[in-house]
C-alpha cells in the first residue's frame, strides 16, 4: 500500500533503504519516479506491484513497516487479516510496526454497519473499521507490544483515524 509515496519522502531524502508494495501499477510507477528523484541510488525494484497480503519480501526482512491508510481498504475480515499478516510478517523480531487506519473509536454512534466490520462513514465513504478491543487483541495474538497508547484523530466529524504502534517480540 505504498501508493505514490507521500509517506516516504522523508525516508528517501534521509537515505534509508526503502521498499514498497502496492497492487496499483500506476502508484508503484509514481513512487519509483519519486525515489529516482530523491534517492537515485535506490533500485527501482525496491518498489513492487503486488498486494500487501502477498508481498514477495522475505519474512523477518524489515526493521520498520509503515502501513498508513492501507488496512481500512480491506473488503472483509479475511482480507484484513491477510493484509495485516503480510505486513507483520516482513518485520524482524524487535521491528517496529507503525499503522494508521480508520476506526470507529470516538464515532461509534455516527457510523452505520454495512456488513461485518465494513461501515458507512459520515463522509459517505465505506471502510473496514477497527476498534480498541480488536487492536489490543491483535497486538497480543501477533506477539507484539504496544509502544504507544492508541491515538485517534476525529477528522471534522467525518471519520476517525487511529495510530497503532507495535514492536514485534522475538
N, C-alpha and C. Protein backbone atom coordinates (compact mmCIF):
# COMPACT_ATOMS: atom_id res chain seq x y z
N UNK A 1 0.81 -1.21 0.00
CA UNK A 1 0.00 0.00 0.00
C UNK A 1 0.83 1.25 0.00
N UNK A 2 1.98 1.28 -0.71
CA UNK A 2 2.84 2.47 -0.68
C UNK A 2 2.24 3.64 -1.44
N UNK A 3 1.22 3.38 -2.27
CA UNK A 3 0.65 4.47 -3.04
C UNK A 3 1.71 5.17 -3.86
N UNK A 4 1.56 6.47 -4.02
CA UNK A 4 2.52 7.25 -4.80
C UNK A 4 3.72 7.69 -3.98
N UNK A 5 3.76 7.31 -2.69
CA UNK A 5 4.95 7.55 -1.87
C UNK A 5 4.92 8.77 -0.98
N UNK A 6 3.75 9.35 -0.77
CA UNK A 6 3.70 10.59 0.04
C UNK A 6 4.29 10.41 1.43
N UNK A 7 4.20 9.20 2.00
CA UNK A 7 4.74 8.96 3.34
C UNK A 7 6.20 8.52 3.31
N UNK A 8 6.79 8.49 2.14
CA UNK A 8 8.18 8.02 2.00
C UNK A 8 9.18 9.15 1.76
N UNK A 9 8.70 10.35 1.52
CA UNK A 9 9.58 11.46 1.14
C UNK A 9 10.72 11.65 2.13
N UNK A 10 10.41 11.76 3.41
CA UNK A 10 11.46 11.96 4.42
C UNK A 10 12.46 10.82 4.39
N UNK A 11 11.96 9.59 4.36
CA UNK A 11 12.84 8.42 4.40
C UNK A 11 13.75 8.37 3.17
N UNK A 12 13.20 8.70 2.02
CA UNK A 12 14.01 8.71 0.80
C UNK A 12 15.08 9.79 0.87
N UNK A 13 14.71 10.98 1.29
CA UNK A 13 15.68 12.08 1.40
C UNK A 13 16.76 11.79 2.43
N UNK A 14 16.39 11.08 3.50
CA UNK A 14 17.34 10.79 4.58
C UNK A 14 18.26 9.62 4.26
N UNK A 15 18.05 8.96 3.13
CA UNK A 15 18.95 7.90 2.71
C UNK A 15 18.64 6.52 3.23
N UNK A 16 17.45 6.32 3.77
CA UNK A 16 17.07 4.99 4.23
C UNK A 16 16.86 4.05 3.06
N UNK A 17 17.10 2.78 3.28
CA UNK A 17 16.81 1.77 2.27
C UNK A 17 15.31 1.46 2.37
N UNK A 18 14.57 1.94 1.39
CA UNK A 18 13.11 1.89 1.42
C UNK A 18 12.61 0.88 0.40
N UNK A 19 11.59 0.13 0.81
CA UNK A 19 10.90 -0.82 -0.06
C UNK A 19 9.42 -0.50 0.01
N UNK A 20 8.70 -0.81 -1.04
CA UNK A 20 7.27 -0.59 -1.02
C UNK A 20 6.55 -1.55 -1.93
N UNK A 21 5.28 -1.78 -1.61
CA UNK A 21 4.44 -2.65 -2.43
C UNK A 21 3.07 -2.01 -2.55
N UNK A 22 2.49 -2.14 -3.73
CA UNK A 22 1.13 -1.67 -3.97
C UNK A 22 0.58 -2.46 -5.14
N UNK A 23 -0.69 -2.82 -5.06
CA UNK A 23 -1.33 -3.58 -6.14
C UNK A 23 -1.58 -2.70 -7.37
N UNK A 24 -1.51 -1.39 -7.21
CA UNK A 24 -1.76 -0.45 -8.29
C UNK A 24 -0.45 -0.12 -9.02
N UNK A 25 -0.34 -0.57 -10.26
CA UNK A 25 0.89 -0.37 -11.03
C UNK A 25 1.20 1.11 -11.24
N UNK A 26 0.20 1.95 -11.40
CA UNK A 26 0.43 3.38 -11.58
C UNK A 26 1.01 4.00 -10.31
N UNK A 27 0.53 3.56 -9.15
CA UNK A 27 1.08 4.06 -7.88
C UNK A 27 2.54 3.67 -7.75
N UNK A 28 2.85 2.44 -8.09
CA UNK A 28 4.24 1.98 -7.98
C UNK A 28 5.13 2.76 -8.96
N UNK A 29 4.66 3.02 -10.14
CA UNK A 29 5.44 3.82 -11.09
C UNK A 29 5.66 5.23 -10.55
N UNK A 30 4.67 5.81 -9.90
CA UNK A 30 4.82 7.14 -9.30
C UNK A 30 5.87 7.13 -8.18
N UNK A 31 5.83 6.10 -7.34
CA UNK A 31 6.81 6.05 -6.24
C UNK A 31 8.21 5.77 -6.79
N UNK A 32 8.31 5.03 -7.86
CA UNK A 32 9.62 4.82 -8.48
C UNK A 32 10.19 6.14 -9.01
N UNK A 33 9.34 6.96 -9.62
CA UNK A 33 9.80 8.28 -10.10
C UNK A 33 10.23 9.16 -8.93
N UNK A 34 9.45 9.13 -7.86
CA UNK A 34 9.78 9.90 -6.67
C UNK A 34 11.13 9.45 -6.10
N UNK A 35 11.30 8.14 -5.99
CA UNK A 35 12.55 7.60 -5.46
C UNK A 35 13.73 7.95 -6.37
N UNK A 36 13.53 7.89 -7.67
CA UNK A 36 14.61 8.24 -8.61
C UNK A 36 15.05 9.69 -8.42
N UNK A 37 14.11 10.57 -8.10
CA UNK A 37 14.44 11.98 -7.89
C UNK A 37 15.09 12.23 -6.54
N UNK A 38 14.62 11.55 -5.49
CA UNK A 38 15.10 11.83 -4.13
C UNK A 38 16.20 10.90 -3.65
N UNK A 39 16.26 9.70 -4.20
CA UNK A 39 17.25 8.70 -3.78
C UNK A 39 17.69 7.93 -5.03
N UNK A 40 18.43 8.57 -5.92
CA UNK A 40 18.74 7.97 -7.22
C UNK A 40 19.51 6.65 -7.17
N UNK A 41 20.15 6.34 -6.07
CA UNK A 41 20.88 5.07 -5.97
C UNK A 41 20.01 3.91 -5.50
N UNK A 42 18.78 4.20 -5.14
CA UNK A 42 17.85 3.16 -4.68
C UNK A 42 17.30 2.43 -5.89
N UNK A 43 17.40 1.10 -5.93
CA UNK A 43 16.91 0.35 -7.09
C UNK A 43 15.40 0.48 -7.28
N UNK A 44 14.97 0.66 -8.51
CA UNK A 44 13.54 0.74 -8.82
C UNK A 44 12.83 -0.54 -8.40
N UNK A 45 13.54 -1.66 -8.39
CA UNK A 45 12.96 -2.94 -8.00
C UNK A 45 12.58 -3.02 -6.53
N UNK A 46 12.98 -2.02 -5.74
CA UNK A 46 12.56 -1.99 -4.34
C UNK A 46 11.06 -1.72 -4.20
N UNK A 47 10.45 -1.25 -5.29
CA UNK A 47 9.03 -0.92 -5.28
C UNK A 47 8.33 -1.88 -6.22
N UNK A 48 7.41 -2.65 -5.67
CA UNK A 48 6.86 -3.80 -6.38
C UNK A 48 5.35 -3.70 -6.55
N UNK A 49 4.90 -4.15 -7.70
CA UNK A 49 3.46 -4.23 -7.96
C UNK A 49 2.98 -5.56 -7.39
N UNK A 50 2.45 -5.49 -6.19
CA UNK A 50 1.91 -6.67 -5.52
C UNK A 50 1.08 -6.23 -4.33
N UNK A 51 0.12 -7.04 -3.99
CA UNK A 51 -0.74 -6.76 -2.84
C UNK A 51 0.04 -6.95 -1.54
N UNK A 52 -0.26 -6.14 -0.53
CA UNK A 52 0.47 -6.25 0.74
C UNK A 52 0.24 -7.61 1.39
N UNK A 53 -0.89 -8.24 1.09
CA UNK A 53 -1.13 -9.55 1.69
C UNK A 53 -0.33 -10.65 0.99
N UNK A 54 0.32 -10.33 -0.12
CA UNK A 54 1.10 -11.32 -0.86
C UNK A 54 2.47 -10.76 -1.24
N UNK A 55 3.08 -9.99 -0.36
CA UNK A 55 4.38 -9.40 -0.67
C UNK A 55 5.44 -10.48 -0.86
N UNK A 56 6.34 -10.22 -1.78
CA UNK A 56 7.41 -11.18 -2.07
C UNK A 56 8.65 -10.94 -1.20
N UNK A 57 8.61 -9.94 -0.33
CA UNK A 57 9.74 -9.72 0.58
C UNK A 57 9.80 -10.88 1.56
N UNK A 58 11.00 -11.30 1.94
CA UNK A 58 11.11 -12.43 2.87
C UNK A 58 10.62 -12.09 4.28
N UNK A 59 10.21 -13.10 5.01
CA UNK A 59 9.82 -12.92 6.41
C UNK A 59 11.04 -12.42 7.18
N UNK A 60 10.78 -11.58 8.17
CA UNK A 60 11.86 -11.08 9.02
C UNK A 60 12.84 -10.19 8.29
N UNK A 61 12.40 -9.47 7.30
CA UNK A 61 13.26 -8.69 6.41
C UNK A 61 13.47 -7.25 6.90
N UNK A 62 12.42 -6.63 7.43
CA UNK A 62 12.43 -5.18 7.66
C UNK A 62 12.56 -4.81 9.13
N UNK A 63 13.21 -3.68 9.35
CA UNK A 63 13.31 -3.11 10.69
C UNK A 63 12.03 -2.37 11.06
N UNK A 64 11.39 -1.76 10.07
CA UNK A 64 10.18 -0.97 10.28
C UNK A 64 9.22 -1.25 9.14
N UNK A 65 7.95 -1.35 9.47
CA UNK A 65 6.89 -1.44 8.46
C UNK A 65 5.89 -0.33 8.73
N UNK A 66 5.62 0.46 7.71
CA UNK A 66 4.66 1.55 7.82
C UNK A 66 3.44 1.17 7.00
N UNK A 67 2.30 1.23 7.65
CA UNK A 67 1.03 0.96 6.98
C UNK A 67 0.12 2.14 7.28
N UNK A 68 0.13 3.13 6.41
CA UNK A 68 -0.63 4.35 6.64
C UNK A 68 -1.78 4.43 5.65
N UNK A 69 -2.98 4.34 6.18
CA UNK A 69 -4.20 4.42 5.37
C UNK A 69 -4.24 3.30 4.33
N UNK A 70 -3.98 2.08 4.77
CA UNK A 70 -3.97 0.91 3.90
C UNK A 70 -5.01 -0.12 4.35
N UNK A 71 -4.93 -0.54 5.60
CA UNK A 71 -5.71 -1.69 6.07
C UNK A 71 -7.22 -1.45 6.04
N UNK A 72 -7.65 -0.20 6.13
CA UNK A 72 -9.10 0.05 6.13
C UNK A 72 -9.74 -0.14 4.76
N UNK A 73 -8.94 -0.45 3.75
CA UNK A 73 -9.48 -0.77 2.43
C UNK A 73 -9.80 -2.26 2.29
N UNK A 74 -9.57 -3.03 3.34
CA UNK A 74 -9.89 -4.46 3.30
C UNK A 74 -11.37 -4.66 3.01
N UNK A 75 -11.67 -5.67 2.21
CA UNK A 75 -13.06 -6.00 1.86
C UNK A 75 -13.80 -6.65 3.02
N UNK A 76 -13.06 -7.44 3.81
CA UNK A 76 -13.69 -8.23 4.87
C UNK A 76 -12.62 -8.67 5.86
N UNK A 77 -13.04 -9.45 6.87
CA UNK A 77 -12.11 -9.91 7.90
C UNK A 77 -10.95 -10.72 7.32
N UNK A 78 -11.25 -11.59 6.37
CA UNK A 78 -10.19 -12.43 5.79
C UNK A 78 -9.13 -11.59 5.11
N UNK A 79 -9.54 -10.61 4.31
CA UNK A 79 -8.54 -9.78 3.63
C UNK A 79 -7.80 -8.91 4.64
N UNK A 80 -8.50 -8.38 5.63
CA UNK A 80 -7.83 -7.58 6.65
C UNK A 80 -6.74 -8.40 7.34
N UNK A 81 -7.10 -9.61 7.76
CA UNK A 81 -6.13 -10.49 8.43
C UNK A 81 -4.95 -10.80 7.50
N UNK A 82 -5.23 -11.06 6.23
CA UNK A 82 -4.16 -11.37 5.28
C UNK A 82 -3.25 -10.15 5.07
N UNK A 83 -3.82 -8.97 4.95
CA UNK A 83 -3.03 -7.74 4.79
C UNK A 83 -2.16 -7.49 6.02
N UNK A 84 -2.77 -7.68 7.19
CA UNK A 84 -2.02 -7.48 8.43
C UNK A 84 -0.90 -8.51 8.56
N UNK A 85 -1.19 -9.79 8.31
CA UNK A 85 -0.16 -10.84 8.39
C UNK A 85 0.96 -10.58 7.37
N UNK A 86 0.58 -10.15 6.18
CA UNK A 86 1.59 -9.88 5.16
C UNK A 86 2.55 -8.78 5.58
N UNK A 87 2.01 -7.74 6.18
CA UNK A 87 2.85 -6.62 6.63
C UNK A 87 3.65 -7.01 7.87
N UNK A 88 3.00 -7.62 8.83
CA UNK A 88 3.66 -8.02 10.08
C UNK A 88 4.77 -9.04 9.80
N UNK A 89 4.53 -9.93 8.85
CA UNK A 89 5.48 -11.00 8.56
C UNK A 89 6.83 -10.52 8.07
N UNK A 90 6.87 -9.38 7.39
CA UNK A 90 8.16 -8.90 6.87
C UNK A 90 9.04 -8.30 7.96
N UNK A 91 8.47 -8.06 9.15
CA UNK A 91 9.24 -7.46 10.24
C UNK A 91 10.18 -8.44 10.91
N UNK A 92 11.37 -7.96 11.24
CA UNK A 92 12.32 -8.70 12.07
C UNK A 92 11.79 -8.72 13.50
N UNK A 93 12.27 -9.66 14.30
CA UNK A 93 12.00 -9.63 15.74
C UNK A 93 12.56 -8.31 16.27
N UNK A 94 11.79 -7.62 17.06
CA UNK A 94 12.20 -6.31 17.57
C UNK A 94 11.83 -5.17 16.64
N UNK A 95 11.28 -5.51 15.46
CA UNK A 95 10.92 -4.50 14.48
C UNK A 95 9.71 -3.67 14.92
N UNK A 96 9.56 -2.52 14.28
CA UNK A 96 8.51 -1.57 14.61
C UNK A 96 7.44 -1.57 13.53
N UNK A 97 6.19 -1.69 13.95
CA UNK A 97 5.03 -1.62 13.06
C UNK A 97 4.31 -0.32 13.38
N UNK A 98 4.26 0.58 12.41
CA UNK A 98 3.54 1.84 12.55
C UNK A 98 2.34 1.78 11.63
N UNK A 99 1.15 1.83 12.20
CA UNK A 99 -0.06 1.68 11.42
C UNK A 99 -1.03 2.81 11.73
N UNK A 100 -1.55 3.41 10.68
CA UNK A 100 -2.62 4.42 10.79
C UNK A 100 -3.77 3.89 9.96
N UNK A 101 -4.94 3.76 10.59
CA UNK A 101 -6.08 3.18 9.89
C UNK A 101 -7.38 3.73 10.43
N UNK A 102 -8.43 3.59 9.64
CA UNK A 102 -9.75 4.08 10.06
C UNK A 102 -10.29 3.21 11.19
N UNK A 103 -10.98 3.87 12.10
CA UNK A 103 -11.56 3.14 13.23
C UNK A 103 -12.92 3.75 13.57
N UNK A 104 -13.61 3.06 14.46
CA UNK A 104 -14.87 3.59 14.98
C UNK A 104 -14.65 4.34 16.29
N UNK A 105 -13.43 4.33 16.79
CA UNK A 105 -13.11 4.94 18.09
C UNK A 105 -13.44 6.44 18.06
N UNK A 106 -14.36 6.84 18.93
CA UNK A 106 -14.75 8.24 19.01
C UNK A 106 -15.97 8.60 18.18
N UNK A 107 -16.38 7.70 17.29
CA UNK A 107 -17.55 7.98 16.44
C UNK A 107 -18.47 6.76 16.36
N UNK A 108 -18.46 5.97 17.39
CA UNK A 108 -19.21 4.71 17.38
C UNK A 108 -20.67 4.89 16.99
N UNK A 109 -21.27 6.00 17.38
CA UNK A 109 -22.68 6.24 17.10
C UNK A 109 -22.93 6.99 15.79
N UNK A 110 -21.86 7.28 15.04
CA UNK A 110 -22.02 8.04 13.80
C UNK A 110 -21.69 7.22 12.57
N UNK A 111 -21.37 5.95 12.75
CA UNK A 111 -21.09 5.06 11.62
C UNK A 111 -22.18 4.00 11.54
N UNK A 112 -22.46 3.56 10.33
CA UNK A 112 -23.51 2.55 10.12
C UNK A 112 -22.89 1.29 9.55
N UNK A 113 -23.16 0.17 10.23
CA UNK A 113 -22.63 -1.12 9.79
C UNK A 113 -23.25 -1.49 8.44
N UNK A 114 -22.38 -1.88 7.50
CA UNK A 114 -22.82 -2.38 6.21
C UNK A 114 -22.83 -3.90 6.26
N UNK A 115 -21.69 -4.48 6.64
CA UNK A 115 -21.55 -5.93 6.80
C UNK A 115 -20.26 -6.20 7.54
N UNK A 116 -20.31 -7.08 8.54
CA UNK A 116 -19.10 -7.39 9.29
C UNK A 116 -18.51 -6.13 9.89
N UNK A 117 -17.25 -5.86 9.59
CA UNK A 117 -16.57 -4.66 10.07
C UNK A 117 -16.54 -3.55 9.02
N UNK A 118 -17.32 -3.70 7.95
CA UNK A 118 -17.43 -2.63 6.95
C UNK A 118 -18.54 -1.69 7.39
N UNK A 119 -18.22 -0.39 7.39
CA UNK A 119 -19.15 0.63 7.86
C UNK A 119 -19.25 1.77 6.86
N UNK A 120 -20.41 2.41 6.85
CA UNK A 120 -20.61 3.66 6.12
C UNK A 120 -20.22 4.78 7.07
N UNK A 121 -19.31 5.65 6.64
CA UNK A 121 -18.84 6.76 7.45
C UNK A 121 -19.70 7.99 7.20
N UNK A 122 -19.67 8.96 8.12
CA UNK A 122 -20.43 10.19 7.90
C UNK A 122 -20.04 10.94 6.61
N UNK A 123 -18.81 10.75 6.13
CA UNK A 123 -18.40 11.42 4.89
C UNK A 123 -18.87 10.68 3.65
N UNK A 124 -19.63 9.58 3.83
CA UNK A 124 -20.18 8.83 2.70
C UNK A 124 -19.32 7.68 2.24
N UNK A 125 -18.08 7.61 2.71
CA UNK A 125 -17.19 6.51 2.33
C UNK A 125 -17.54 5.25 3.11
N UNK A 126 -17.16 4.12 2.55
CA UNK A 126 -17.33 2.84 3.24
C UNK A 126 -15.94 2.27 3.50
N UNK A 127 -15.69 1.88 4.75
CA UNK A 127 -14.38 1.37 5.14
C UNK A 127 -14.52 0.22 6.12
N UNK A 128 -13.44 -0.55 6.20
CA UNK A 128 -13.28 -1.58 7.22
C UNK A 128 -12.80 -0.83 8.46
N UNK A 129 -13.53 -0.93 9.57
CA UNK A 129 -13.17 -0.20 10.77
C UNK A 129 -12.75 -1.14 11.90
N UNK A 130 -11.73 -0.72 12.62
CA UNK A 130 -11.27 -1.43 13.81
C UNK A 130 -11.77 -0.66 15.03
N UNK A 131 -11.60 -1.28 16.19
CA UNK A 131 -11.87 -0.61 17.45
C UNK A 131 -10.75 -0.97 18.43
N UNK A 132 -10.78 -0.37 19.60
CA UNK A 132 -9.71 -0.60 20.58
C UNK A 132 -9.59 -2.06 20.96
N UNK A 133 -10.70 -2.72 21.21
CA UNK A 133 -10.66 -4.13 21.63
C UNK A 133 -9.98 -4.99 20.58
N UNK A 134 -10.31 -4.78 19.32
CA UNK A 134 -9.70 -5.57 18.25
C UNK A 134 -8.19 -5.31 18.17
N UNK A 135 -7.79 -4.05 18.20
CA UNK A 135 -6.36 -3.74 18.10
C UNK A 135 -5.57 -4.31 19.27
N UNK A 136 -6.14 -4.26 20.46
CA UNK A 136 -5.44 -4.82 21.62
C UNK A 136 -5.35 -6.34 21.52
N UNK A 137 -6.42 -6.98 21.06
CA UNK A 137 -6.39 -8.44 20.88
C UNK A 137 -5.37 -8.82 19.82
N UNK A 138 -5.35 -8.10 18.70
CA UNK A 138 -4.39 -8.41 17.63
C UNK A 138 -2.95 -8.20 18.09
N UNK A 139 -2.71 -7.17 18.86
CA UNK A 139 -1.37 -6.92 19.39
C UNK A 139 -0.88 -8.14 20.16
N UNK A 140 -1.74 -8.66 21.02
CA UNK A 140 -1.38 -9.84 21.83
C UNK A 140 -1.22 -11.08 20.95
N UNK A 141 -2.18 -11.33 20.06
CA UNK A 141 -2.14 -12.52 19.20
C UNK A 141 -0.92 -12.54 18.29
N UNK A 142 -0.47 -11.37 17.84
CA UNK A 142 0.68 -11.29 16.94
C UNK A 142 2.00 -11.41 17.69
N UNK A 143 1.94 -11.39 19.01
CA UNK A 143 3.18 -11.43 19.78
C UNK A 143 3.86 -10.08 19.76
N UNK A 144 3.06 -9.04 19.88
CA UNK A 144 3.60 -7.68 19.85
C UNK A 144 3.45 -6.99 21.18
N UNK A 145 4.05 -5.83 21.25
CA UNK A 145 3.98 -4.99 22.44
C UNK A 145 3.62 -3.59 21.99
N UNK A 146 2.54 -3.06 22.52
CA UNK A 146 2.13 -1.70 22.20
C UNK A 146 3.22 -0.74 22.68
N UNK A 147 3.75 0.09 21.80
CA UNK A 147 4.82 1.01 22.17
C UNK A 147 4.30 2.38 22.56
N UNK A 148 3.10 2.67 22.17
CA UNK A 148 2.50 3.97 22.44
C UNK A 148 1.00 3.72 22.60
N UNK A 149 0.33 4.42 23.48
CA UNK A 149 -1.12 4.22 23.57
C UNK A 149 -1.77 4.51 22.21
N UNK A 150 -2.88 3.83 21.96
CA UNK A 150 -3.63 4.11 20.74
C UNK A 150 -4.02 5.58 20.75
N UNK A 151 -3.91 6.21 19.59
CA UNK A 151 -4.29 7.62 19.47
C UNK A 151 -5.23 7.73 18.28
N UNK A 152 -6.35 8.41 18.49
CA UNK A 152 -7.34 8.56 17.43
C UNK A 152 -7.61 10.02 17.18
N UNK A 153 -7.63 10.38 15.92
CA UNK A 153 -7.97 11.72 15.49
C UNK A 153 -9.33 11.68 14.82
N UNK A 154 -10.22 12.53 15.26
CA UNK A 154 -11.51 12.67 14.59
C UNK A 154 -11.33 13.75 13.53
N UNK A 155 -11.56 13.39 12.29
CA UNK A 155 -11.33 14.29 11.16
C UNK A 155 -12.65 14.99 10.81
N UNK A 156 -12.84 16.18 11.34
CA UNK A 156 -14.00 17.03 11.10
C UNK A 156 -15.33 16.28 11.15
N UNK A 157 -15.49 15.44 12.15
CA UNK A 157 -16.72 14.67 12.35
C UNK A 157 -17.12 13.84 11.14
N UNK A 158 -16.14 13.48 10.30
CA UNK A 158 -16.42 12.69 9.10
C UNK A 158 -15.88 11.28 9.20
N UNK A 159 -14.76 11.11 9.91
CA UNK A 159 -14.13 9.79 10.05
C UNK A 159 -13.10 9.87 11.18
N UNK A 160 -12.67 8.72 11.64
CA UNK A 160 -11.65 8.65 12.69
C UNK A 160 -10.45 7.86 12.18
N UNK A 161 -9.27 8.34 12.48
CA UNK A 161 -8.04 7.66 12.10
C UNK A 161 -7.26 7.36 13.38
N UNK A 162 -6.95 6.08 13.56
CA UNK A 162 -6.25 5.63 14.76
C UNK A 162 -4.82 5.25 14.41
N UNK A 163 -3.90 5.62 15.29
CA UNK A 163 -2.49 5.27 15.14
C UNK A 163 -2.18 4.15 16.13
N UNK A 164 -1.60 3.07 15.59
CA UNK A 164 -1.32 1.83 16.33
C UNK A 164 0.16 1.52 16.11
N UNK A 165 0.95 1.60 17.17
CA UNK A 165 2.40 1.41 17.08
C UNK A 165 2.79 0.21 17.95
N UNK A 166 3.38 -0.80 17.30
CA UNK A 166 3.65 -2.07 17.97
C UNK A 166 5.07 -2.54 17.66
N UNK A 167 5.76 -3.07 18.68
CA UNK A 167 7.06 -3.72 18.48
C UNK A 167 6.81 -5.22 18.39
N UNK A 168 7.48 -5.85 17.43
CA UNK A 168 7.37 -7.30 17.26
C UNK A 168 8.33 -7.98 18.23
N UNK A 169 7.78 -8.77 19.14
CA UNK A 169 8.60 -9.51 20.09
C UNK A 169 9.33 -10.64 19.37
N UNK A 170 10.36 -11.17 20.02
CA UNK A 170 11.16 -12.26 19.44
C UNK A 170 10.33 -13.50 19.17
